[in-house]
Amino acid sequence: MKLRNAYLLIVGLIILSSCRNDDDTIGEVVPPRLLSEVTIEDDAEIIEFLKTHFYNDDEFETPPEGFDFKIKFDTIAGDNSSRISLFDSPNLITQTISVDSEDLGRSDDDEIINQTLYTLVVRQGEVTGTPTIGDFSILRYEGLLLDGTLFDASTNQPIRFNLSTVVQGFGNGMKNFQTGTGPIENGDGTVSYENYGIGAIFMPAGLAYFDTSPNTVIPTYSPLIFKVDAFAYEPDSDFDGDGIPSILEDLNNDGNLNNDNTNAEVEASFGIYTANYSDTDDDGDGILTIDEIELDADGNFVGFLDTDGDGIPDHLDNDL
């Protein structure tokens, strides 16, 4: 089995603990479920949540004194029966992302299923440009189940991580947010940002942890919500320092850097898997990738080389 599970890379980054799901009986074997059936159920659950809940848009439109610019969800009922649902909000963005069941560790299902990702952009940041899945992002977040259970949160201070080292839905959702200005030193050892992007990402299990559970709070096959404050990002991030901006290592252009591994078959014989964006020798020929590409005098990426003219860039061609 090829270890192309994008979500395996995030354990210890978004959620630090890894335990058995409390909902499972000790010793019980939970039969694996098809990506296709889970996708249908998850999308129905997310749509139900979006249609029955609203957010505090009135506070964002006219901020009261002392407003903390935090998103709050509530049910459309009673005094709130006339509120606009999240589903009908003009700030809701939908994306269709194809997921291969093999990327989720399923070598026997052979399914490629479209997933719908929903991103609510409550406030767009003032800095033009948005991060890619290959960039380092500086942000603050809260992770929630659809029932409102909090399963993870960063501290109040900004946290920095690469958007391909987290669950796929998170990285793809962050592509919708412009960021703010900062950091601003607060004089007490902390920093802050101004006019940053604010929103929430609603993702099905196929773009999250699918049939694994990184802690005792998240059941398997769970759709998730992440509230985010998009403070800043680092354009053209090079995660492995091989000279190539990580976003250019999405060889199949599917919005997932973790399933692009040029020398996967060779690595599999050693029981390892290193995606190109985190591999300093992408083709495993013993020559560092940075020595097989074109750089300018300052060491910045210029382009790819194809010495033998076979249409395969040198850094991906181990038979030069």
Protein backbone atom coordinates (compact mmCIF):
# COMPACT_ATOMS: atom_id res chain seq x y z
CA MET A 1 0.00 0.00 0.00
CA LYS A 2 1.32 3.39 -0.89
CA LEU A 3 1.44 5.62 2.15
CA ARG A 4 -0.11 8.64 0.50
CA ASN A 5 -2.33 9.61 3.42
CA ALA A 6 -2.16 13.39 3.59
CA TYR A 7 -3.81 13.42 6.97
CA LEU A 8 -1.12 11.23 8.57
CA LEU A 9 1.32 14.12 8.27
CA ILE A 10 -0.72 16.45 10.41
CA VAL A 11 -0.71 14.40 13.62
CA GLY A 12 1.24 16.44 16.12
CA LEU A 13 0.70 19.66 14.16
CA ILE A 14 -3.01 20.50 14.39
CA ILE A 15 -3.81 17.85 17.03
CA LEU A 16 -1.01 16.66 19.28
CA SER A 17 -2.50 13.59 20.89
CA SER A 18 -3.31 10.26 19.25
CA CYS A 19 -5.68 7.89 21.03
CA ARG A 20 -8.43 5.36 20.43
CA ASN A 21 -11.89 6.77 19.75
CA ASP A 22 -13.95 6.56 22.96
CA ASP A 23 -17.04 5.62 20.95
CA ASP A 24 -15.42 2.34 19.92
CA THR A 25 -15.66 -0.70 22.17
CA ILE A 26 -12.29 -2.09 23.19
CA GLY A 27 -11.37 -4.88 20.81
CA GLU A 28 -14.15 -4.00 18.39
CA VAL A 29 -13.17 -3.96 14.72
CA VAL A 30 -15.02 -1.22 12.85
CA PRO A 31 -15.60 -2.30 9.23
CA PRO A 32 -14.08 0.14 6.72
CA ARG A 33 -16.56 2.30 4.87
CA LEU A 34 -16.46 3.42 1.26
CA LEU A 35 -15.38 6.98 0.56
CA SER A 36 -18.39 7.35 -1.73
CA GLU A 37 -20.98 6.58 0.97
CA VAL A 38 -19.24 8.64 3.64
CA THR A 39 -19.07 11.59 1.25
CA ILE A 40 -22.84 11.58 0.68
CA GLU A 41 -23.58 11.43 4.41
CA ASP A 42 -21.03 14.10 5.33
CA ASP A 43 -22.23 16.55 2.71
CA ALA A 44 -25.83 16.10 3.88
CA GLU A 45 -24.76 16.76 7.49
CA ILE A 46 -22.77 19.85 6.57
CA ILE A 47 -25.59 21.26 4.44
CA GLU A 48 -28.05 20.63 7.28
CA PHE A 49 -25.79 22.56 9.65
CA LEU A 50 -25.35 25.41 7.17
CA LYS A 51 -29.10 25.68 6.55
CA THR A 52 -30.06 25.65 10.23
CA HIS A 53 -27.38 27.97 11.62
CA PHE A 54 -26.34 31.59 11.23
CA TYR A 55 -23.35 33.61 12.38
CA ASN A 56 -23.11 36.98 14.10
CA ASP A 57 -22.99 38.96 10.86
CA ASP A 58 -24.67 41.96 12.52
CA GLU A 59 -21.71 42.36 14.89
CA PHE A 60 -19.24 42.21 12.03
CA GLU A 61 -21.21 44.75 10.02
CA THR A 62 -21.54 47.17 12.94
CA PRO A 63 -18.97 46.17 15.57
CA PRO A 64 -20.15 47.00 19.09
CA GLU A 65 -17.70 48.47 21.58
CA GLY A 66 -15.28 45.82 22.77
CA PHE A 67 -16.22 43.33 20.00
CA ASP A 68 -13.60 40.56 19.79
CA PHE A 69 -14.22 39.77 16.08
CA LYS A 70 -14.90 36.13 16.89
CA ILE A 71 -17.36 34.10 14.83
CA LYS A 72 -20.31 32.75 16.78
CA PHE A 73 -22.75 30.19 15.36
CA ASP A 74 -26.32 29.82 16.58
CA THR A 75 -29.46 27.97 15.53
CA ILE A 76 -32.12 29.67 13.41
CA ALA A 77 -35.11 29.50 15.76
CA GLY A 78 -37.29 31.64 17.99
CA ASP A 79 -36.06 35.23 18.08
CA ASN A 80 -33.46 34.28 15.46
CA SER A 81 -35.93 32.70 13.02
CA SER A 82 -35.46 35.53 10.49
CA ARG A 83 -31.67 35.33 10.39
CA ILE A 84 -29.91 34.48 7.13
CA SER A 85 -28.53 30.95 7.16
CA LEU A 86 -24.89 30.17 6.59
CA PHE A 87 -25.97 28.28 3.47
CA ASP A 88 -27.60 31.40 2.01
CA SER A 89 -24.85 33.77 3.09
CA PRO A 90 -23.19 35.63 0.19
CA ASN A 91 -19.92 35.04 2.04
CA LEU A 92 -20.04 31.25 1.61
CA ILE A 93 -17.66 29.80 -1.00
CA THR A 94 -17.92 26.22 -2.29
CA GLN A 95 -15.08 24.24 -3.84
CA THR A 96 -15.12 20.81 -5.48
CA ILE A 97 -12.03 18.73 -4.75
CA SER A 98 -11.42 15.21 -6.06
CA VAL A 99 -10.06 12.70 -3.57
CA ASP A 100 -8.58 9.31 -4.42
CA SER A 101 -9.38 6.63 -1.84
CA GLU A 102 -5.77 5.46 -2.19
CA ASP A 103 -4.66 8.79 -0.70
CA LEU A 104 -6.69 7.84 2.36
CA GLY A 105 -4.88 4.52 2.73
CA ARG A 106 -7.43 2.44 0.81
CA SER A 107 -5.66 0.36 -1.82
CA ASP A 108 -8.66 -1.92 -2.45
CA ASP A 109 -11.52 0.56 -2.98
CA ASP A 110 -10.19 2.34 -6.09
CA GLU A 111 -12.57 5.31 -5.80
CA ILE A 112 -12.06 8.88 -6.93
CA ILE A 113 -14.85 10.93 -5.38
CA ASN A 114 -15.58 14.66 -5.51
CA GLN A 115 -15.71 16.36 -2.12
CA THR A 116 -17.42 19.69 -1.46
CA LEU A 117 -15.54 22.11 0.75
CA TYR A 118 -17.41 25.10 2.20
CA THR A 119 -15.56 28.23 3.30
CA LEU A 120 -17.23 31.17 5.02
CA VAL A 121 -15.25 34.38 4.54
CA VAL A 122 -16.71 36.65 7.20
CA ARG A 123 -14.09 39.36 6.71
CA GLN A 124 -11.52 39.48 3.93
CA GLY A 125 -8.03 40.56 4.86
CA GLU A 126 -6.67 43.82 3.48
CA VAL A 127 -3.45 42.42 1.99
CA THR A 128 -3.86 41.43 -1.66
CA GLY A 129 -3.04 37.82 -2.48
CA THR A 130 -3.90 34.50 -0.84
CA PRO A 131 -1.74 31.57 0.29
CA THR A 132 -1.32 28.39 -1.70
CA ILE A 133 -1.32 24.88 -0.24
CA GLY A 134 2.47 24.98 -0.37
CA ASP A 135 2.91 28.13 1.71
CA PHE A 136 3.61 28.68 5.37
CA SER A 137 0.67 30.43 6.97
CA ILE A 138 0.52 32.40 10.21
CA LEU A 139 -2.89 32.14 11.82
CA ARG A 140 -5.10 31.30 14.77
CA TYR A 141 -7.72 28.52 14.71
CA GLU A 142 -10.35 26.52 16.57
CA GLY A 143 -11.43 23.02 15.54
CA LEU A 144 -15.05 21.96 16.14
CA LEU A 145 -17.34 19.04 15.48
CA LEU A 146 -20.71 19.90 13.92
CA ASP A 147 -22.33 19.63 17.36
CA GLY A 148 -20.09 22.44 18.61
CA THR A 149 -17.64 20.25 20.53
CA LEU A 150 -14.22 21.91 20.63
CA PHE A 151 -11.49 19.36 19.82
CA ASP A 152 -8.50 21.63 19.31
CA ALA A 153 -7.43 25.27 19.34
CA SER A 154 -4.24 27.24 18.96
CA THR A 155 -3.23 29.65 21.67
CA ASN A 156 -4.30 33.27 21.36
CA GLN A 157 -0.92 33.97 19.79
CA PRO A 158 -0.24 33.32 16.09
CA ILE A 159 0.93 29.86 15.05
CA ARG A 160 2.94 29.10 11.91
CA PHE A 161 2.78 25.94 9.82
CA ASN A 162 2.86 24.81 6.22
CA LEU A 163 -0.59 24.32 4.71
CA SER A 164 0.34 20.91 3.32
CA THR A 165 1.23 19.54 6.75
CA VAL A 166 -2.40 19.83 7.90
CA VAL A 167 -5.58 18.11 6.74
CA GLN A 168 -6.25 18.77 3.07
CA GLY A 169 -9.49 20.66 3.59
CA PHE A 170 -7.76 23.17 5.86
CA GLY A 171 -5.08 24.04 3.32
CA ASN A 172 -7.54 24.32 0.45
CA GLY A 173 -9.91 26.43 2.53
CA MET A 174 -7.16 28.86 3.50
CA LYS A 175 -6.66 29.64 -0.19
CA ASN A 176 -9.80 31.81 0.07
CA PHE A 177 -8.41 34.23 2.65
CA GLN A 178 -6.44 37.40 2.20
CA THR A 179 -4.39 38.25 5.24
CA GLY A 180 -3.66 41.29 7.42
CA THR A 181 -0.79 43.53 8.44
CA GLY A 182 1.76 42.81 11.15
CA PRO A 183 3.24 41.52 13.27
CA ILE A 184 2.79 44.40 15.69
CA GLU A 185 4.83 44.20 18.89
CA ASN A 186 2.57 44.67 21.90
CA GLY A 187 5.37 45.44 24.34
CA ASP A 188 4.65 42.41 26.52
CA GLY A 189 6.34 39.76 24.42
CA THR A 190 3.25 39.12 22.29
CA VAL A 191 2.37 40.24 18.79
CA SER A 192 -0.86 41.07 17.00
CA TYR A 193 -2.17 41.67 13.48
CA GLU A 194 -4.69 44.11 12.05
CA ASN A 195 -7.35 43.83 9.35
CA TYR A 196 -6.77 40.09 8.85
CA GLY A 197 -9.08 37.58 7.21
CA ILE A 198 -11.69 35.90 9.40
CA GLY A 199 -13.85 32.91 8.59
CA ALA A 200 -14.61 29.22 8.92
CA ILE A 201 -13.95 26.09 6.89
CA PHE A 202 -16.47 23.22 6.77
CA MET A 203 -14.98 19.97 5.51
CA PRO A 204 -16.12 16.37 4.99
CA ALA A 205 -14.14 13.49 6.47
CA GLY A 206 -12.62 12.80 3.05
CA LEU A 207 -10.75 16.10 3.37
CA ALA A 208 -10.02 15.56 7.06
CA TYR A 209 -9.15 12.40 9.03
CA PHE A 210 -11.56 9.99 7.31
CA ASP A 211 -11.30 6.60 9.09
CA THR A 212 -8.68 7.62 11.65
CA SER A 213 -9.15 9.54 14.87
CA PRO A 214 -6.20 11.60 16.17
CA ASN A 215 -7.71 11.94 19.64
CA THR A 216 -10.56 10.75 21.85
CA VAL A 217 -12.89 13.57 20.85
CA ILE A 218 -13.12 13.15 17.07
CA PRO A 219 -15.10 10.07 15.94
CA THR A 220 -14.01 8.38 12.73
CA TYR A 221 -15.66 9.63 9.52
CA SER A 222 -16.38 13.04 11.06
CA PRO A 223 -16.99 16.26 9.12
CA LEU A 224 -15.18 19.15 10.82
CA ILE A 225 -15.33 22.92 11.23
CA PHE A 226 -12.28 25.14 11.62
CA LYS A 227 -12.69 28.77 12.60
CA VAL A 228 -9.67 30.71 11.35
CA ASP A 229 -8.01 34.10 11.65
CA ALA A 230 -5.69 34.48 8.66
CA PHE A 231 -2.90 36.76 9.85
CA ALA A 232 -0.18 36.37 7.23
CA TYR A 233 1.53 33.92 4.87
CA GLU A 234 4.91 33.45 3.21
CA PRO A 235 4.56 33.47 -0.61
CA ASP A 236 6.43 30.84 -2.63
CA SER A 237 7.40 28.89 0.49
CA ASP A 238 9.98 26.16 -0.09
CA PHE A 239 9.21 23.59 2.60
CA ASP A 240 12.19 21.29 2.00
CA GLY A 241 14.67 23.97 0.89
CA ASP A 242 15.32 22.25 -2.44
CA GLY A 243 15.08 25.51 -4.40
CA ILE A 244 11.59 24.86 -5.81
CA PRO A 245 8.56 26.70 -4.37
CA SER A 246 6.46 23.93 -2.85
CA ILE A 247 3.35 24.80 -4.85
CA LEU A 248 5.24 23.90 -8.05
CA GLU A 249 5.62 20.35 -6.72
CA ASP A 250 1.91 19.61 -7.10
CA LEU A 251 2.64 17.57 -10.22
CA ASN A 252 -0.94 16.42 -10.84
CA ASN A 253 -2.47 19.81 -9.92
CA ASP A 254 -5.05 18.26 -7.62
CA GLY A 255 -4.52 20.58 -4.65
CA ASN A 256 -2.73 17.91 -2.63
CA LEU A 257 1.07 17.96 -2.37
CA ASN A 258 1.16 14.79 -0.31
CA ASN A 259 0.36 12.42 -3.20
CA ASP A 260 3.16 13.67 -5.48
CA ASN A 261 6.17 11.42 -5.00
CA THR A 262 8.35 10.75 -8.03
CA ASN A 263 10.35 7.92 -6.42
CA ALA A 264 7.53 6.35 -4.42
CA GLU A 265 8.19 2.82 -5.69
CA VAL A 266 11.84 2.94 -4.67
CA GLU A 267 10.98 4.39 -1.27
CA ALA A 268 8.30 1.76 -0.72
CA SER A 269 10.97 -0.95 -0.73
CA PHE A 270 12.44 0.79 2.32
CA GLY A 271 9.05 1.29 3.96
CA ILE A 272 9.10 5.07 3.67
CA TYR A 273 7.20 7.72 1.75
CA THR A 274 8.45 11.26 1.19
CA ALA A 275 6.38 13.55 -1.01
CA ASN A 276 8.38 15.74 -3.38
CA TYR A 277 7.65 18.96 -1.49
CA SER A 278 9.42 17.51 1.56
CA ASP A 279 12.13 15.57 -0.33
CA THR A 280 15.51 17.17 -1.13
CA ASP A 281 16.22 14.53 -3.82
CA ASP A 282 12.93 14.12 -5.66
CA ASP A 283 14.00 11.39 -8.06
CA GLY A 284 16.26 9.55 -5.62
CA ASP A 285 19.26 9.58 -7.95
CA GLY A 286 21.71 10.76 -5.29
CA ILE A 287 21.88 14.28 -6.73
CA LEU A 288 20.14 16.96 -4.70
CA THR A 289 17.15 18.58 -6.42
CA ILE A 290 18.66 22.02 -5.86
CA ASP A 291 21.60 20.97 -8.07
CA GLU A 292 19.29 19.86 -10.91
CA ILE A 293 17.29 23.06 -11.38
CA GLU A 294 18.08 26.56 -12.65
CA LEU A 295 18.68 29.25 -10.03
CA ASP A 296 19.67 32.89 -10.41
CA ALA A 297 22.74 34.48 -8.83
CA ASP A 298 20.81 35.02 -5.59
CA GLY A 299 19.74 31.39 -5.39
CA ASN A 300 16.15 32.04 -6.43
CA PHE A 301 14.26 29.55 -8.58
CA VAL A 302 14.30 30.37 -12.30
CA GLY A 303 13.16 27.19 -14.02
CA PHE A 304 13.56 23.47 -14.62
CA LEU A 305 16.34 21.81 -16.63
CA ASP A 306 15.92 18.94 -19.10
CA THR A 307 19.46 17.93 -20.02
CA ASP A 308 18.59 14.91 -22.17
CA GLY A 309 15.56 16.54 -23.80
CA ASP A 310 13.19 13.70 -22.96
CA GLY A 311 10.52 15.99 -21.57
CA ILE A 312 11.22 15.02 -17.97
CA PRO A 313 12.89 17.67 -15.79
CA ASP A 314 16.29 16.63 -14.48
CA HIS A 315 15.18 16.65 -10.84
CA LEU A 316 12.45 14.10 -11.67
CA ASP A 317 14.54 12.01 -14.07
CA ASN A 318 16.76 9.37 -12.43
CA ASP A 319 17.99 7.83 -15.69
CA LEU A 320 20.03 10.76 -17.05
